[in-house]
Amino acid sequence: MAVNEDRSTRHLPLQDRLDIAELLARYCFALDDRDWGLLEQVFTEDAAAEYGLAGHPRGLPAIVEVVRASLEPLDASQHFVGTSLVEATGAGEAKGRTYLIAQHIRHGTPGGDLYTIAGTYVDRFVRTRDGWRIANRHLTHTWTQGNPAVLASHRTRPGAQ
């Protein structure tokens, strides 16, 4: 930050910070509860996401399809978001970086049932008439642990026909 930059232009009111924190939590619950409709309360209709190998969907229906295809074959997942920095970038806009850890379980996967991903979401938030939404999300993986085959989309569940 430049020495003369006014930090007050980057601060969000407390209620906006709380609303964005709730938005980030809502995303995690939507994924782990497989509540795909709840993602309408997370992303803008024209949102874009970059999920690495899982894909780069554009638009809410494409984002839903990517996360659905990744998570529905699992027995369980649990997404944790934690340390988060959010700052205003303009009227009704903000950017943020948030750490995440996501655990994925598929019982009976050769090589192990658990795959954990840790990384950072870099988001662009916009305030809509329905509240804050994610307009752009970029996932950067920091580390992984376990068996990546747990998330392999080409596998079928053991015993499935």
Protein backbone atom coordinates (compact mmCIF):
# COMPACT_ATOMS: atom_id res chain seq x y z
CA MET A 1 0.00 0.00 0.00
CA ALA A 2 1.29 3.45 -0.86
CA VAL A 3 2.20 5.63 2.11
CA ASN A 4 -0.46 8.24 1.29
CA GLU A 5 -3.24 5.76 0.40
CA ASP A 6 -6.41 6.26 2.44
CA ARG A 7 -7.07 2.92 4.15
CA SER A 8 -10.63 3.96 4.97
CA THR A 9 -11.64 3.42 1.33
CA ARG A 10 -10.70 -0.26 1.69
CA HIS A 11 -12.65 -0.96 4.87
CA LEU A 12 -16.06 -2.56 4.75
CA PRO A 13 -18.71 -1.85 7.35
CA LEU A 14 -19.01 -4.55 10.00
CA GLN A 15 -22.39 -5.75 8.72
CA ASP A 16 -20.94 -6.25 5.22
CA ARG A 17 -18.07 -8.27 6.70
CA LEU A 18 -20.53 -10.43 8.64
CA ASP A 19 -22.69 -10.92 5.55
CA ILE A 20 -19.68 -12.00 3.47
CA ALA A 21 -18.51 -14.37 6.22
CA GLU A 22 -21.98 -15.92 6.21
CA LEU A 23 -21.86 -16.16 2.41
CA LEU A 24 -18.58 -18.11 2.64
CA ALA A 25 -20.12 -20.45 5.23
CA ARG A 26 -23.26 -20.87 3.09
CA TYR A 27 -21.06 -22.12 0.24
CA CYS A 28 -19.54 -24.80 2.48
CA PHE A 29 -22.92 -25.98 3.77
CA ALA A 30 -24.35 -26.05 0.24
CA LEU A 31 -21.54 -28.34 -0.90
CA ASP A 32 -21.51 -30.64 2.11
CA ASP A 33 -25.31 -30.92 2.33
CA ARG A 34 -25.53 -31.37 -1.46
CA ASP A 35 -28.00 -28.47 -1.48
CA TRP A 36 -27.31 -27.28 -5.01
CA GLY A 37 -30.19 -24.77 -4.92
CA LEU A 38 -28.50 -22.96 -2.04
CA LEU A 39 -25.70 -21.99 -4.43
CA GLU A 40 -28.15 -19.45 -5.90
CA GLN A 41 -27.61 -17.56 -2.63
CA VAL A 42 -23.83 -17.73 -3.07
CA PHE A 43 -23.02 -16.87 -6.70
CA THR A 44 -24.27 -14.30 -9.19
CA GLU A 45 -26.08 -15.79 -12.18
CA ASP A 46 -23.12 -14.94 -14.45
CA ALA A 47 -20.36 -15.89 -11.97
CA ALA A 48 -17.12 -17.49 -13.11
CA ALA A 49 -15.03 -19.98 -11.17
CA GLU A 50 -11.63 -21.56 -11.59
CA TYR A 51 -11.45 -24.87 -9.74
CA GLY A 52 -8.20 -26.19 -11.20
CA LEU A 53 -8.53 -29.71 -12.60
CA ALA A 54 -12.24 -29.77 -11.73
CA GLY A 55 -12.93 -27.10 -14.35
CA HIS A 56 -13.47 -23.44 -15.13
CA PRO A 57 -17.24 -23.05 -15.24
CA ARG A 58 -18.93 -19.83 -16.36
CA GLY A 59 -22.42 -19.09 -15.10
CA LEU A 60 -24.30 -20.44 -12.11
CA PRO A 61 -25.66 -23.58 -13.83
CA ALA A 62 -22.15 -24.57 -14.94
CA ILE A 63 -20.72 -23.98 -11.46
CA VAL A 64 -23.46 -26.14 -9.95
CA GLU A 65 -22.73 -28.89 -12.47
CA VAL A 66 -18.98 -28.89 -11.73
CA VAL A 67 -19.39 -29.10 -7.96
CA ARG A 68 -22.21 -31.62 -8.27
CA ALA A 69 -20.15 -33.90 -10.52
CA SER A 70 -17.21 -33.67 -8.11
CA LEU A 71 -19.12 -34.24 -4.88
CA GLU A 72 -22.17 -36.42 -5.55
CA PRO A 73 -20.13 -39.62 -5.95
CA LEU A 74 -18.64 -39.12 -2.47
CA ASP A 75 -19.89 -40.60 0.77
CA ALA A 76 -19.14 -37.33 2.56
CA SER A 77 -17.25 -34.07 2.35
CA GLN A 78 -16.55 -31.32 4.80
CA HIS A 79 -15.38 -27.89 3.70
CA PHE A 80 -13.84 -25.54 6.24
CA VAL A 81 -13.11 -21.86 5.56
CA GLY A 82 -11.10 -19.88 8.03
CA THR A 83 -8.72 -16.99 7.87
CA SER A 84 -10.19 -14.41 5.55
CA LEU A 85 -9.19 -10.92 4.42
CA VAL A 86 -11.87 -8.88 2.67
CA GLU A 87 -11.61 -5.29 1.51
CA ALA A 88 -13.77 -2.91 -0.44
CA THR A 89 -12.77 -2.23 -4.03
CA GLY A 90 -15.59 0.15 -4.93
CA ALA A 91 -19.22 0.88 -4.24
CA GLY A 92 -20.89 -2.47 -3.66
CA GLU A 93 -17.77 -4.46 -4.57
CA ALA A 94 -15.10 -6.21 -2.56
CA LYS A 95 -12.30 -8.70 -2.96
CA GLY A 96 -11.21 -11.36 -0.57
CA ARG A 97 -8.78 -14.18 0.14
CA THR A 98 -9.91 -17.06 2.32
CA TYR A 99 -8.09 -20.19 3.43
CA LEU A 100 -9.88 -23.51 3.07
CA ILE A 101 -9.47 -27.15 3.95
CA ALA A 102 -11.78 -29.63 2.24
CA GLN A 103 -11.98 -33.29 3.19
CA HIS A 104 -13.49 -35.80 0.78
CA ILE A 105 -14.43 -39.39 1.63
CA ARG A 106 -15.39 -42.25 -0.65
CA HIS A 107 -15.41 -45.61 1.10
CA GLY A 108 -13.80 -48.52 -0.71
CA THR A 109 -11.52 -46.43 -2.91
CA PRO A 110 -8.38 -48.47 -3.71
CA GLY A 111 -5.45 -46.68 -2.12
CA GLY A 112 -7.46 -45.03 0.64
CA ASP A 113 -10.83 -43.46 1.37
CA LEU A 114 -9.75 -39.88 2.21
CA TYR A 115 -8.44 -36.98 0.16
CA THR A 116 -7.85 -33.56 1.70
CA ILE A 117 -7.26 -30.34 -0.22
CA ALA A 118 -6.03 -27.12 1.36
CA GLY A 119 -5.80 -23.85 -0.46
CA THR A 120 -7.03 -20.33 -0.91
CA TYR A 121 -10.16 -18.94 -2.49
CA VAL A 122 -9.63 -15.57 -4.15
CA ASP A 123 -13.04 -14.00 -4.63
CA ARG A 124 -14.63 -10.94 -6.14
CA PHE A 125 -17.83 -10.09 -4.29
CA VAL A 126 -20.66 -7.87 -5.47
CA ARG A 127 -23.63 -6.56 -3.55
CA THR A 128 -26.88 -7.44 -5.31
CA ARG A 129 -30.45 -6.59 -4.36
CA ASP A 130 -30.48 -10.00 -2.61
CA GLY A 131 -27.24 -9.42 -0.69
CA TRP A 132 -23.57 -10.16 -1.28
CA ARG A 133 -22.70 -12.75 -3.93
CA ILE A 134 -19.53 -14.19 -5.42
CA ALA A 135 -19.01 -12.95 -8.97
CA ASN A 136 -15.64 -14.61 -9.48
CA ARG A 137 -13.87 -17.38 -7.56
CA HIS A 138 -10.36 -18.70 -8.09
CA LEU A 139 -9.15 -21.72 -6.11
CA THR A 140 -5.42 -22.16 -5.60
CA HIS A 141 -4.31 -25.46 -4.09
CA THR A 142 -1.61 -25.14 -1.43
CA TRP A 143 -1.28 -28.78 -0.42
CA THR A 144 -3.09 -32.09 -0.62
CA GLN A 145 -2.96 -35.24 1.44
CA GLY A 146 -4.35 -38.68 0.86
CA ASN A 147 -5.67 -40.45 -2.19
CA PRO A 148 -6.60 -38.25 -5.18
CA ALA A 149 -8.53 -41.19 -6.66
CA VAL A 150 -11.28 -40.35 -4.14
CA LEU A 151 -12.21 -37.43 -6.42
CA ALA A 152 -11.61 -39.20 -9.72
CA SER A 153 -14.81 -38.51 -11.69
CA HIS A 154 -14.42 -41.52 -14.00
CA ARG A 155 -14.75 -44.05 -11.16
CA THR A 156 -18.01 -45.60 -10.15
CA ARG A 157 -18.87 -46.45 -6.59
CA PRO A 158 -17.80 -49.93 -5.50
CA GLY A 159 -20.69 -52.29 -6.12
CA ALA A 160 -22.54 -49.76 -8.30
CA GLN A 161 -23.99 -50.95 -11.56
